[in-house]
Amino acid sequence: MLAMLSTRRRRALATGAALTLLGTGLPTAAAAAGDDRSGLDRFYDQKISWSACDLDGVPEDLQCGKVTVPLDYAHPAAGSLDLALARYRATGDRQGSVLLNFGGPGGAGVPGLAYGGKDFLELTDGYDVVTFDPRGVGRSSPVSCGDTEEEDEGLSALEDDAALDDPRALLTRLRRTAADCVRHSGPVLTHMGTVDAAQDMDVIRRALGDRKLNYLGFSYGTRLGAVYAARFPGQVGRMVLDGVDTLTEPLTEQGLAGARGQQVALDDFVDWCVKDIACPFGTDARTAREEVLRTVRSLDEDPVPTDSGDDFTGQDLVAALGQGLYSEELWPSLERALARLVEEGDTSGVLTFTTGGVAFPARSARSAPSFGTRGVALPARSFGARAPAAGPAPSPSPLVDAEDVPLDNLPAALMAINCADDPDRPTAERITADLRRLRADYDKASPVFGRYRLSEVLLCYGRPRGTDVIREKVKDLDTPKMLLVGTRGDPATPYRWTVETAERLGDAAVVLDNRGEGHTGYGSSKCVHRKVDDFLLYGSLPPTGSSCLPDEDGG
């Protein structure tokens, strides 16, 4: 999950009727699988046409395609949209497809597979490895909240203490931001919850020609996988959930957990950094932590210019820290980038951590930072890139050209999905009464990341109430065994969420305890990588309670 962003770069972060399909319970898979009454036959009967990807810099063997889904599953004749797909074809004896979701919510799958595909080469021994840009994300009818100066005010509301003295002004800004997201996003915005995306995955499964869905989901992708399993228990094949999300905690509690996790990761980074004479914050851990916070506050008060002419603020620095702390393997690069910023005022190094590309870098197999963007602060646009067009988005349907994806799409989609999935909507009275206490709670959880996380929670104000289906219905699954991977040192999805979600899902859940660090385990732990591949390829499921130790080879 992405944390809140607050200057022009982080502007305007960001269910509908389709959610009524699940309003009184989860329909049977048969009803959703394309019978005459559902009106979904034409979507379930389509075939995918694969071809070379018309994208710059992607591997030659990556193929792209699309699948068409209803805008509103409750009214499938009311409109449709295309979802962008990508795949690497199986190189061995093909046993079907495995579908990937890299997390977010709001992360685009196609660039994730294009630039991180080496991690999945072993899976092509038996599968076509497939991913997609979920609805409202990437090239699939992307949502946006616009790019105007007025929206700066709404997102910068918690950067100083003014909001604490005048919460009503903050509420006005939040309502304005919500309206801007509606104005710039088009009809897809009200049909972007995880329930809709899970239904899309079943259409994709059928279009791929697979009887069962084999699935590997990271971070938010675990929420998506769990909802799919509850929605379509009869279609579940081999399913892996890595970096397990909560299904029950409200956004306020999720934000606090994320702030605490990121602060622990920052403290660990500082402890590592001060052992190096080149650490820009000194050689004493306590004073170094104080210096990090002092640097953030100084940049908020007096931003420094970037090469593109934009201001780089303390909240942009928090965004960079959030990304760089995902994996210990990024720490040397983060240290060098911070040194250039602190000692020379050079923002170029830290900016590489604050663009969407950092979330899905090109990786060498098994030596990469973790997947998933949950808990990471990303700016709404890449520096020096095109600003999103003003005015309403075009009607959803055809894929958007890659260069025309709005530059705030990732955070806008994140807010749309998180708010659609969360039924809690604090009233104006509650926000007014609780804002000062919440601000203190978040600052206590993390003096560096707290304001980001609180802002994220507040941005659901002014949006429609989300579904309660995930909390109420996604439990006690009647599916084949699925593998849940929890990492003890995960700064974004705490290990306790893996345990709690496994208990909630029931006998279907098998837990793999990864005793390492970083967000998710597949990209950083050889042991986790091996056990996941063995399960997906051969059905070899580790006993529940199995663990992977740091640097264990998985053999």
Protein backbone atom coordinates (compact mmCIF):
# COMPACT_ATOMS: atom_id res chain seq x y z
CA MET A 1 0.00 0.00 0.00
CA LEU A 2 1.26 3.45 -0.84
CA ALA A 3 1.52 6.11 1.77
CA MET A 4 0.08 9.59 1.29
CA LEU A 5 1.92 12.19 -0.73
CA SER A 6 1.59 15.87 -0.34
CA THR A 7 3.18 18.31 -2.77
CA ARG A 8 2.57 18.76 -6.44
CA ARG A 9 4.36 15.50 -7.15
CA ARG A 10 1.99 13.71 -4.79
CA ARG A 11 -1.12 15.54 -5.86
CA ALA A 12 -4.63 14.28 -5.84
CA LEU A 13 -4.42 10.67 -4.72
CA ALA A 14 -6.91 9.50 -5.36
CA THR A 15 -18.43 0.55 -4.82
CA GLY A 16 -20.27 0.77 -7.20
CA ALA A 17 -23.23 -1.34 -8.30
CA ALA A 18 -20.99 -4.30 -9.09
CA LEU A 19 -20.46 -4.78 -5.39
CA THR A 20 -24.11 -5.68 -4.98
CA LEU A 21 -23.23 -9.06 -6.46
CA LEU A 22 -21.69 -9.81 -3.08
CA GLY A 23 -23.86 -7.66 -0.89
CA THR A 24 -25.79 -10.50 0.70
CA GLY A 25 -23.26 -13.26 0.30
CA LEU A 26 -20.80 -14.73 -2.15
CA PRO A 27 -22.53 -16.08 -5.27
CA THR A 28 -21.66 -19.55 -6.41
CA ALA A 29 -18.94 -19.96 -8.97
CA ALA A 30 -21.42 -21.56 -11.35
CA ALA A 31 -23.57 -18.45 -11.37
CA ALA A 32 -20.57 -16.31 -12.23
CA ALA A 33 -19.05 -18.65 -14.77
CA GLY A 34 -21.15 -17.50 -17.68
CA ASP A 35 -24.64 -19.04 -17.53
CA ASP A 36 -27.45 -17.48 -19.57
CA ARG A 37 -28.84 -15.46 -16.65
CA SER A 38 -25.59 -13.75 -15.82
CA GLY A 39 -25.14 -12.02 -19.17
CA LEU A 40 -21.40 -12.68 -18.98
CA ASP A 41 -21.09 -15.29 -21.74
CA ARG A 42 -19.38 -13.01 -24.23
CA PHE A 43 -16.71 -12.13 -21.71
CA TYR A 44 -16.07 -15.68 -20.57
CA ASP A 45 -15.97 -17.05 -24.12
CA GLN A 46 -13.28 -14.71 -25.49
CA LYS A 47 -9.81 -15.77 -26.53
CA ILE A 48 -6.65 -13.74 -26.11
CA SER A 49 -4.64 -12.72 -29.14
CA TRP A 50 -0.95 -12.49 -28.14
CA SER A 51 1.67 -10.50 -30.03
CA ALA A 52 4.97 -8.70 -29.48
CA CYS A 53 4.67 -5.88 -26.97
CA ASP A 54 4.56 -2.38 -28.42
CA LEU A 55 6.57 -1.04 -25.49
CA ASP A 56 10.06 0.38 -25.34
CA GLY A 57 12.86 -1.59 -23.76
CA VAL A 58 11.01 -4.80 -22.92
CA PRO A 59 12.45 -8.28 -23.58
CA GLU A 60 11.77 -9.66 -27.04
CA ASP A 61 10.16 -12.81 -25.67
CA LEU A 62 7.57 -10.89 -23.65
CA GLN A 63 4.16 -11.04 -25.32
CA CYS A 64 1.25 -8.67 -24.78
CA GLY A 65 -2.49 -9.01 -25.16
CA LYS A 66 -5.74 -7.83 -23.69
CA VAL A 67 -8.98 -9.16 -22.27
CA THR A 68 -12.33 -7.35 -22.17
CA VAL A 69 -14.37 -7.24 -18.95
CA PRO A 70 -17.64 -5.56 -17.97
CA LEU A 71 -17.40 -2.16 -16.38
CA ASP A 72 -20.16 -3.23 -13.97
CA TYR A 73 -20.69 -6.95 -13.35
CA ALA A 74 -24.20 -6.26 -12.07
CA HIS A 75 -25.04 -4.72 -15.45
CA PRO A 76 -22.69 -6.33 -18.00
CA ALA A 77 -24.38 -4.64 -20.96
CA ALA A 78 -23.69 -1.18 -19.57
CA GLY A 79 -20.14 -0.91 -20.88
CA SER A 80 -16.78 -2.64 -20.95
CA LEU A 81 -13.07 -1.99 -20.61
CA ASP A 82 -9.90 -3.69 -21.78
CA LEU A 83 -7.27 -4.99 -19.38
CA ALA A 84 -3.63 -5.07 -20.50
CA LEU A 85 -1.92 -8.47 -20.23
CA ALA A 86 1.64 -9.70 -20.62
CA ARG A 87 3.19 -13.16 -20.54
CA TYR A 88 6.32 -15.22 -20.89
CA ARG A 89 5.48 -18.49 -22.58
CA ALA A 90 6.28 -21.81 -21.01
CA THR A 91 9.59 -23.27 -22.12
CA GLY A 92 8.98 -26.76 -20.76
CA ASP A 93 5.97 -29.07 -20.68
CA ARG A 94 3.14 -26.59 -20.29
CA GLN A 95 0.64 -27.32 -17.53
CA GLY A 96 -1.29 -24.08 -17.81
CA SER A 97 -0.71 -20.52 -16.63
CA VAL A 98 0.24 -18.86 -13.37
CA LEU A 99 -1.18 -15.37 -12.87
CA LEU A 100 0.88 -12.76 -10.98
CA ASN A 101 -0.13 -9.65 -9.08
CA PHE A 102 2.76 -7.53 -7.80
CA GLY A 103 0.84 -5.56 -5.21
CA GLY A 104 0.01 -1.95 -4.58
CA PRO A 105 -2.90 -1.63 -4.76
CA GLY A 106 -2.38 0.33 -7.93
CA GLY A 107 0.72 -1.45 -9.20
CA ALA A 108 0.72 -2.16 -12.94
CA GLY A 109 1.54 -5.79 -13.72
CA VAL A 110 2.85 -5.42 -17.25
CA PRO A 111 5.93 -3.29 -16.37
CA GLY A 112 6.41 -5.43 -13.28
CA LEU A 113 6.81 -8.55 -15.40
CA ALA A 114 8.71 -6.76 -18.14
CA TYR A 115 11.43 -5.47 -15.83
CA GLY A 116 11.32 -8.07 -13.06
CA GLY A 117 10.71 -11.18 -15.12
CA LYS A 118 14.00 -12.90 -14.34
CA ASP A 119 12.67 -13.83 -10.92
CA PHE A 120 10.09 -16.06 -12.56
CA LEU A 121 12.14 -17.94 -15.14
CA GLU A 122 11.94 -21.21 -13.20
CA LEU A 123 8.15 -21.07 -13.37
CA THR A 124 8.26 -21.11 -17.18
CA ASP A 125 9.42 -24.74 -16.88
CA GLY A 126 5.72 -25.54 -16.51
CA TYR A 127 3.68 -22.40 -16.95
CA ASP A 128 2.96 -19.45 -19.09
CA VAL A 129 3.77 -16.67 -16.59
CA VAL A 130 1.03 -14.04 -16.99
CA THR A 131 0.23 -10.72 -15.39
CA PHE A 132 -2.17 -7.84 -15.97
CA ASP A 133 -2.79 -4.16 -15.30
CA PRO A 134 -5.89 -4.25 -13.07
CA ARG A 135 -8.86 -2.06 -13.90
CA GLY A 136 -8.08 1.61 -13.36
CA VAL A 137 -4.34 0.89 -13.36
CA GLY A 138 -1.62 1.35 -15.96
CA ARG A 139 -2.99 0.98 -19.46
CA SER A 140 -6.35 -0.43 -18.24
CA SER A 141 -8.58 2.69 -18.11
CA PRO A 142 -6.22 4.46 -15.68
CA VAL A 143 -7.69 6.74 -13.04
CA SER A 144 -6.28 10.13 -12.11
CA CYS A 145 -6.99 12.95 -9.70
CA GLY A 146 -5.68 15.67 -11.96
CA ASP A 147 -2.85 18.15 -11.82
CA THR A 148 -3.98 21.54 -10.55
CA GLU A 149 -2.64 23.95 -8.00
CA GLU A 150 -5.85 23.72 -5.96
CA GLU A 151 -5.25 20.04 -5.33
CA ASP A 152 -1.88 20.85 -3.77
CA GLU A 153 -3.72 22.38 -0.83
CA GLY A 154 -5.73 19.24 -0.11
CA LEU A 155 -2.72 16.98 -0.04
CA SER A 156 -0.45 19.26 1.91
CA ALA A 157 -2.99 19.74 4.67
CA LEU A 158 -1.12 17.71 7.25
CA GLU A 159 2.37 18.97 6.50
CA ASP A 160 1.99 21.62 9.18
CA ASP A 161 -0.16 22.11 12.26
CA ALA A 162 -2.75 24.37 10.64
CA ALA A 163 -5.16 21.49 10.07
CA LEU A 164 -5.21 20.76 13.80
CA ASP A 165 -6.47 24.26 14.48
CA ASP A 166 -8.99 24.32 11.64
CA PRO A 167 -10.17 20.77 10.74
CA ARG A 168 -13.11 22.15 8.77
CA ALA A 169 -10.74 23.62 6.19
CA LEU A 170 -9.05 20.24 5.94
CA LEU A 171 -12.40 18.53 5.33
CA THR A 172 -13.21 21.01 2.58
CA ARG A 173 -9.90 20.22 0.88
CA LEU A 174 -10.49 16.49 1.19
CA ARG A 175 -13.93 16.78 -0.38
CA ARG A 176 -12.44 18.83 -3.20
CA THR A 177 -9.79 16.19 -3.80
CA ALA A 178 -12.42 13.43 -3.90
CA ALA A 179 -14.42 15.43 -6.45
CA ASP A 180 -11.33 16.02 -8.56
CA CYS A 181 -10.67 12.26 -8.66
CA VAL A 182 -14.21 11.67 -9.91
CA ARG A 183 -13.87 14.40 -12.52
CA HIS A 184 -10.58 13.11 -13.92
CA SER A 185 -11.14 9.35 -13.73
CA GLY A 186 -14.35 8.52 -15.53
CA PRO A 187 -16.82 5.68 -14.84
CA VAL A 188 -14.23 3.09 -13.82
CA LEU A 189 -13.58 4.88 -10.52
CA THR A 190 -16.75 3.55 -8.92
CA HIS A 191 -15.96 -0.03 -9.99
CA MET A 192 -12.39 -0.42 -8.76
CA GLY A 193 -12.67 -2.48 -5.60
CA THR A 194 -10.92 -5.79 -5.07
CA VAL A 195 -14.22 -7.61 -5.52
CA ASP A 196 -14.39 -6.34 -9.11
CA ALA A 197 -10.73 -7.19 -9.73
CA ALA A 198 -11.26 -10.73 -8.43
CA GLN A 199 -14.10 -11.20 -10.92
CA ASP A 200 -11.78 -9.89 -13.64
CA MET A 201 -9.23 -12.56 -12.71
CA ASP A 202 -11.81 -15.26 -13.33
CA VAL A 203 -12.51 -13.86 -16.78
CA ILE A 204 -8.75 -13.86 -17.40
CA ARG A 205 -8.51 -17.48 -16.18
CA ARG A 206 -11.17 -18.57 -18.63
CA ALA A 207 -9.67 -16.55 -21.50
CA LEU A 208 -6.30 -18.23 -20.83
CA GLY A 209 -8.00 -21.61 -21.25
CA ASP A 210 -7.31 -22.70 -17.67
CA ARG A 211 -9.77 -24.80 -15.67
CA LYS A 212 -8.20 -23.64 -12.41
CA LEU A 213 -6.47 -20.41 -11.46
CA ASN A 214 -2.84 -20.83 -10.39
CA TYR A 215 -1.80 -17.63 -8.71
CA LEU A 216 1.14 -15.85 -7.07
CA GLY A 217 0.21 -12.60 -5.32
CA PHE A 218 2.45 -10.20 -3.41
CA SER A 219 1.40 -7.75 -0.70
CA TYR A 220 -1.97 -6.29 -1.78
CA GLY A 221 -2.06 -9.17 -4.26
CA THR A 222 -2.66 -11.46 -1.29
CA ARG A 223 -5.89 -9.60 -0.50
CA LEU A 224 -6.89 -10.00 -4.13
CA GLY A 225 -6.06 -13.71 -4.07
CA ALA A 226 -8.02 -14.31 -0.88
CA VAL A 227 -11.08 -12.55 -2.26
CA TYR A 228 -10.83 -14.61 -5.44
CA ALA A 229 -10.64 -17.82 -3.41
CA ALA A 230 -13.75 -16.87 -1.44
CA ARG A 231 -15.56 -15.79 -4.58
CA PHE A 232 -14.58 -18.77 -6.77
CA PRO A 233 -13.58 -21.66 -4.49
CA GLY A 234 -14.14 -24.24 -7.20
CA GLN A 235 -11.70 -22.53 -9.56
CA VAL A 236 -8.75 -22.31 -7.14
CA GLY A 237 -5.65 -24.20 -8.28
CA ARG A 238 -2.25 -23.68 -6.67
CA MET A 239 -2.29 -20.34 -4.90
CA VAL A 240 0.55 -18.53 -3.10
CA LEU A 241 0.10 -15.37 -1.03
CA ASP A 242 3.41 -13.66 -0.13
CA GLY A 243 3.52 -10.68 2.25
CA VAL A 244 0.04 -11.34 3.58
CA ASP A 245 -2.33 -8.39 3.87
CA THR A 246 -4.92 -7.95 6.58
CA LEU A 247 -8.54 -8.72 5.74
CA THR A 248 -10.05 -7.20 8.85
CA GLU A 249 -8.17 -4.17 10.17
CA PRO A 250 -9.58 -0.75 9.25
CA LEU A 251 -7.38 1.69 7.40
CA THR A 252 -6.63 3.61 10.58
CA GLU A 253 -5.06 0.52 12.15
CA GLN A 254 -3.33 -0.45 8.91
CA GLY A 255 -1.79 2.99 8.77
CA LEU A 256 -0.45 2.75 12.29
CA ALA A 257 0.97 -0.72 11.64
CA GLY A 258 2.65 0.52 8.48
CA ALA A 259 4.12 3.56 10.20
CA ARG A 260 5.56 1.41 12.99
CA GLY A 261 6.99 -1.09 10.52
CA GLN A 262 8.65 1.58 8.42
CA GLN A 263 10.09 3.26 11.50
CA VAL A 264 11.63 -0.04 12.61
CA ALA A 265 13.10 -0.47 9.13
CA LEU A 266 14.47 3.08 9.22
CA ASP A 267 16.04 2.47 12.64
CA ASP A 268 17.68 -0.70 11.32
CA PHE A 269 19.00 1.20 8.31
CA VAL A 270 20.46 3.92 10.54
CA ASP A 271 22.12 1.29 12.77
CA TRP A 272 23.72 -0.13 9.62
CA CYS A 273 24.60 3.25 8.13
CA VAL A 274 26.46 4.66 11.13
CA LYS A 275 28.96 1.80 10.98
CA ASP A 276 30.18 3.30 7.69
CA ILE A 277 32.29 6.43 7.85
CA ALA A 278 30.51 7.65 4.72
CA CYS A 279 27.10 7.71 6.44
CA PRO A 280 25.75 11.24 5.92
CA PHE A 281 24.09 11.32 9.33
CA GLY A 282 27.20 10.65 11.43
CA THR A 283 28.45 7.67 13.39
CA ASP A 284 26.18 7.74 16.43
CA ALA A 285 22.83 5.98 15.93
CA ARG A 286 20.80 8.18 18.29
CA THR A 287 21.95 11.46 16.82
CA ALA A 288 21.70 10.02 13.30
CA ARG A 289 17.99 9.28 13.81
CA GLU A 290 17.48 12.83 15.01
CA GLU A 291 19.37 14.10 11.97
CA VAL A 292 17.10 12.15 9.58
CA LEU A 293 14.02 13.76 11.10
CA ARG A 294 15.69 17.18 11.11
CA THR A 295 16.51 16.80 7.41
CA VAL A 296 12.90 15.90 6.57
CA ARG A 297 11.55 18.91 8.44
CA SER A 298 14.15 21.24 6.97
CA LEU A 299 13.24 20.21 3.43
CA ASP A 300 9.54 20.68 4.14
CA GLU A 301 10.27 24.23 5.28
CA ASP A 302 12.81 24.99 2.56
CA PRO A 303 12.60 22.61 -0.44
CA VAL A 304 15.53 22.28 -2.83
CA PRO A 305 15.13 22.41 -6.61
CA THR A 306 15.47 19.39 -8.86
CA ASP A 307 16.95 19.34 -12.34
CA SER A 308 13.42 19.46 -13.77
CA GLY A 309 12.59 22.63 -11.81
CA ASP A 310 10.27 20.97 -9.29
CA ASP A 311 10.79 21.42 -5.57
CA PHE A 312 12.03 18.45 -3.56
CA THR A 313 10.44 18.49 -0.11
CA GLY A 314 10.84 16.56 3.09
CA GLN A 315 7.81 14.48 2.16
CA ASP A 316 9.55 13.56 -1.09
CA LEU A 317 12.46 12.41 1.03
CA VAL A 318 10.07 10.29 3.09
CA ALA A 319 8.89 8.77 -0.19
CA ALA A 320 12.46 7.86 -1.09
CA LEU A 321 13.11 6.38 2.33
CA GLY A 322 9.95 4.30 2.11
CA GLN A 323 11.14 2.68 -1.09
CA GLY A 324 14.76 2.27 -0.11
CA LEU A 325 13.91 0.53 3.15
CA TYR A 326 12.04 -2.29 1.45
CA SER A 327 15.14 -4.44 1.19
CA GLU A 328 18.59 -4.45 2.76
CA GLU A 329 20.03 -4.86 -0.71
CA LEU A 330 18.92 -1.30 -1.51
CA TRP A 331 20.59 0.20 1.54
CA PRO A 332 24.01 0.94 -0.02
CA SER A 333 22.35 2.77 -2.90
CA LEU A 334 20.10 4.64 -0.50
CA GLU A 335 23.08 5.67 1.64
CA ARG A 336 24.93 7.06 -1.38
CA ALA A 337 21.84 8.91 -2.58
CA LEU A 338 21.25 10.44 0.83
CA ALA A 339 24.90 11.53 1.06
CA ARG A 340 24.60 13.37 -2.25
CA LEU A 341 21.44 15.09 -1.02
CA VAL A 342 22.76 16.07 2.41
CA GLU A 343 26.27 17.06 1.39
CA GLU A 344 25.71 18.54 -2.07
CA GLY A 345 21.99 19.28 -2.33
CA ASP A 346 21.91 16.83 -5.25
CA THR A 347 18.45 15.24 -5.52
CA SER A 348 19.17 12.99 -8.50
CA GLY A 349 20.03 9.94 -6.42
CA VAL A 350 17.03 10.05 -4.10
CA LEU A 351 14.71 10.75 -7.02
CA THR A 352 15.46 7.28 -8.37
CA PHE A 353 13.69 5.95 -5.27
CA THR A 354 10.61 8.12 -5.71
CA THR A 355 9.43 7.09 -9.17
CA GLY A 356 7.16 4.22 -9.98
CA GLY A 357 10.04 2.42 -11.66
CA VAL A 358 11.70 1.74 -8.34
CA ALA A 359 8.80 -0.42 -7.26
CA PHE A 360 9.50 -2.86 -10.07
CA PRO A 361 13.17 -2.64 -10.97
CA ALA A 362 14.98 -4.97 -13.29
CA ARG A 363 16.24 -7.74 -11.06
CA SER A 364 18.54 -10.68 -11.14
CA ALA A 365 16.83 -13.82 -9.98
CA ARG A 366 16.87 -14.36 -6.22
CA SER A 367 18.97 -11.31 -5.50
CA ALA A 368 16.31 -8.69 -5.64
CA PRO A 369 14.43 -6.41 -3.33
CA SER A 370 10.97 -7.60 -2.42
CA PHE A 371 7.84 -7.27 -4.49
CA GLY A 372 4.78 -5.27 -3.59
CA THR A 373 4.26 -1.58 -3.00
CA ARG A 374 2.18 -1.75 0.17
CA GLY A 375 3.35 0.80 2.71
CA VAL A 376 5.66 2.62 0.29
CA ALA A 377 5.38 6.30 -0.34
CA LEU A 378 5.50 7.12 -4.03
CA PRO A 379 5.06 10.48 -5.69
CA ALA A 380 2.12 11.03 -7.94
CA ARG A 381 4.31 11.66 -10.94
CA SER A 382 7.76 11.01 -12.24
CA PHE A 383 10.05 14.00 -12.29
CA GLY A 384 10.53 15.57 -15.67
CA ALA A 385 7.77 13.49 -17.24
CA ARG A 386 4.49 14.48 -18.82
CA ALA A 387 1.77 15.95 -16.64
CA PRO A 388 -1.64 14.25 -16.90
CA ALA A 389 -4.12 15.90 -19.19
CA ALA A 390 -6.76 18.04 -17.60
CA GLY A 391 -10.45 17.32 -18.04
CA PRO A 392 -12.52 14.15 -17.84
CA ALA A 393 -10.91 10.87 -18.77
CA PRO A 394 -12.11 9.20 -21.97
CA SER A 395 -14.83 6.59 -21.70
CA PRO A 396 -13.38 3.29 -20.54
CA SER A 397 -12.75 0.63 -23.12
CA PRO A 398 -9.56 0.52 -25.22
CA LEU A 399 -6.10 0.27 -23.74
CA VAL A 400 -4.32 3.55 -23.15
CA ASP A 401 -0.93 4.08 -24.78
CA ALA A 402 1.85 3.63 -22.25
CA GLU A 403 3.02 7.23 -22.61
CA ASP A 404 -0.51 8.50 -21.90
CA VAL A 405 -0.94 6.85 -18.50
CA PRO A 406 -1.56 9.70 -16.02
CA LEU A 407 1.48 10.27 -13.92
CA ASP A 408 -0.49 10.17 -10.68
CA ASN A 409 -2.17 6.88 -11.62
CA LEU A 410 -0.44 4.73 -9.02
CA PRO A 411 -1.43 6.73 -5.93
CA ALA A 412 -4.84 7.62 -7.39
CA ALA A 413 -5.59 3.93 -7.97
CA LEU A 414 -4.29 3.00 -4.55
CA MET A 415 -6.70 5.34 -2.83
CA ALA A 416 -9.62 4.29 -5.02
CA ILE A 417 -9.10 0.60 -4.24
CA ASN A 418 -8.34 0.97 -0.55
CA CYS A 419 -11.36 3.20 -0.02
CA ALA A 420 -13.60 0.86 -2.02
CA ASP A 421 -12.47 -2.05 0.16
CA ASP A 422 -12.97 -0.29 3.49
CA PRO A 423 -16.50 0.24 4.86
CA ASP A 424 -15.43 2.72 7.53
CA ARG A 425 -16.05 6.37 6.76
CA PRO A 426 -15.33 8.75 9.61
CA THR A 427 -17.86 11.53 9.85
CA ALA A 428 -16.85 15.16 9.78
CA GLU A 429 -17.65 15.33 13.48
CA ARG A 430 -15.42 12.36 14.25
CA ILE A 431 -12.49 13.73 12.25
CA THR A 432 -12.86 17.12 13.91
CA ALA A 433 -12.93 15.54 17.34
CA ASP A 434 -10.19 12.96 16.77
CA LEU A 435 -7.73 14.66 14.44
CA ARG A 436 -5.37 15.93 17.11
CA ARG A 437 -5.33 12.53 18.87
CA LEU A 438 -4.81 10.68 15.58
CA ARG A 439 -1.99 12.98 14.62
CA ALA A 440 -0.31 12.31 18.00
CA ASP A 441 -0.81 8.54 17.61
CA TYR A 442 0.72 8.52 14.14
CA ASP A 443 3.62 10.76 15.14
CA LYS A 444 4.29 8.40 18.04
CA ALA A 445 4.22 5.39 15.71
CA SER A 446 6.74 7.13 13.46
CA PRO A 447 7.89 10.75 13.59
CA VAL A 448 9.09 10.32 9.98
CA PHE A 449 6.30 8.31 8.32
CA GLY A 450 3.33 9.11 10.57
CA ARG A 451 1.91 12.07 8.67
CA TYR A 452 2.03 10.18 5.39
CA ARG A 453 0.06 7.35 6.87
CA LEU A 454 -2.55 9.52 8.52
CA SER A 455 -3.07 11.49 5.32
CA GLU A 456 -3.68 8.23 3.48
CA VAL A 457 -6.45 7.31 5.89
CA LEU A 458 -8.11 10.72 5.71
CA LEU A 459 -8.24 10.71 1.91
CA CYS A 460 -11.18 8.28 2.02
CA TYR A 461 -13.29 11.09 3.46
CA GLY A 462 -15.75 12.33 0.84
CA ARG A 463 -15.74 9.04 -1.07
CA PRO A 464 -18.59 6.50 -1.13
CA ARG A 465 -18.62 3.96 1.67
CA GLY A 466 -16.69 0.82 0.76
CA THR A 467 -17.88 -2.77 0.77
CA ASP A 468 -18.01 -4.88 3.93
CA VAL A 469 -17.76 -8.08 1.90
CA ILE A 470 -14.04 -8.63 2.53
CA ARG A 471 -14.40 -8.39 6.28
CA GLU A 472 -17.61 -10.38 6.44
CA LYS A 473 -17.30 -13.05 3.76
CA VAL A 474 -13.63 -13.83 3.08
CA LYS A 475 -13.09 -16.54 5.68
CA ASP A 476 -13.38 -20.29 6.27
CA LEU A 477 -12.41 -21.13 2.70
CA ASP A 478 -13.40 -24.43 1.11
CA THR A 479 -10.54 -24.61 -1.37
CA PRO A 480 -7.41 -26.66 -1.99
CA LYS A 481 -4.49 -25.89 0.28
CA MET A 482 -2.81 -22.56 -0.38
CA LEU A 483 0.61 -21.32 0.74
CA LEU A 484 0.87 -18.12 2.82
CA VAL A 485 4.35 -16.61 3.22
CA GLY A 486 4.98 -14.24 6.11
CA THR A 487 8.31 -12.46 6.66
CA ARG A 488 9.27 -11.66 10.26
CA GLY A 489 11.03 -8.39 9.39
CA ASP A 490 8.46 -7.14 6.88
CA PRO A 491 8.05 -3.36 7.30
CA ALA A 492 4.77 -3.17 5.36
CA THR A 493 2.77 -6.34 6.09
CA PRO A 494 3.62 -7.43 9.64
CA TYR A 495 4.05 -11.13 10.28
CA ARG A 496 1.05 -11.17 12.61
CA TRP A 497 -1.17 -10.43 9.61
CA THR A 498 -0.03 -13.72 8.06
CA VAL A 499 -0.97 -15.59 11.22
CA GLU A 500 -4.30 -13.80 11.59
CA THR A 501 -5.25 -14.24 7.95
CA ALA A 502 -4.30 -17.92 8.01
CA GLU A 503 -6.56 -18.46 11.02
CA ARG A 504 -9.34 -16.57 9.29
CA LEU A 505 -9.06 -18.55 6.04
CA GLY A 506 -9.20 -21.82 7.94
CA ASP A 507 -7.86 -25.25 7.06
CA ALA A 508 -6.98 -24.17 3.52
CA ALA A 509 -4.07 -22.00 4.71
CA VAL A 510 -0.53 -23.33 5.14
CA VAL A 511 1.98 -20.87 6.61
CA LEU A 512 5.65 -20.58 5.64
CA ASP A 513 7.56 -18.57 8.26
CA ASN A 514 10.29 -16.54 6.56
CA ARG A 515 12.65 -15.40 9.32
CA GLY A 516 14.31 -12.77 7.17
CA GLU A 517 13.90 -9.07 6.48
CA GLY A 518 12.17 -7.01 3.83
CA HIS A 519 8.73 -6.83 2.27
CA THR A 520 7.72 -10.27 0.93
CA GLY A 521 10.08 -13.21 0.59
CA TYR A 522 10.07 -14.58 -2.95
CA GLY A 523 12.45 -12.01 -4.41
CA SER A 524 14.93 -11.99 -1.54
CA SER A 525 14.99 -15.44 0.08
CA LYS A 526 16.37 -18.42 -1.83
CA CYS A 527 14.53 -20.72 0.55
CA VAL A 528 11.16 -19.04 0.01
CA HIS A 529 11.77 -18.90 -3.72
CA ARG A 530 12.47 -22.62 -3.89
CA LYS A 531 9.50 -23.66 -1.75
CA VAL A 532 7.09 -21.46 -3.70
CA ASP A 533 8.33 -22.78 -7.03
CA ASP A 534 8.14 -26.37 -5.81
CA PHE A 535 4.53 -25.87 -4.80
CA LEU A 536 3.46 -24.10 -7.99
CA LEU A 537 5.31 -26.46 -10.34
CA TYR A 538 4.97 -29.78 -8.57
CA GLY A 539 2.32 -29.36 -5.89
CA SER A 540 4.93 -29.97 -3.17
CA LEU A 541 3.52 -28.05 -0.21
CA PRO A 542 5.72 -27.54 2.86
CA PRO A 543 4.20 -28.60 6.19
CA THR A 544 2.46 -25.76 7.98
CA GLY A 545 4.82 -24.13 10.42
CA SER A 546 7.83 -24.64 8.14
CA SER A 547 10.37 -21.86 8.21
CA CYS A 548 13.09 -20.33 6.09
CA LEU A 549 16.13 -18.94 7.85
CA PRO A 550 18.14 -15.99 6.50
CA ASP A 551 20.56 -17.06 3.75
CA GLU A 552 19.11 -20.56 3.73
CA ASP A 553 19.42 -22.08 0.27
CA GLY A 554 16.10 -23.89 0.35
CA GLY A 555 17.64 -27.17 -0.61
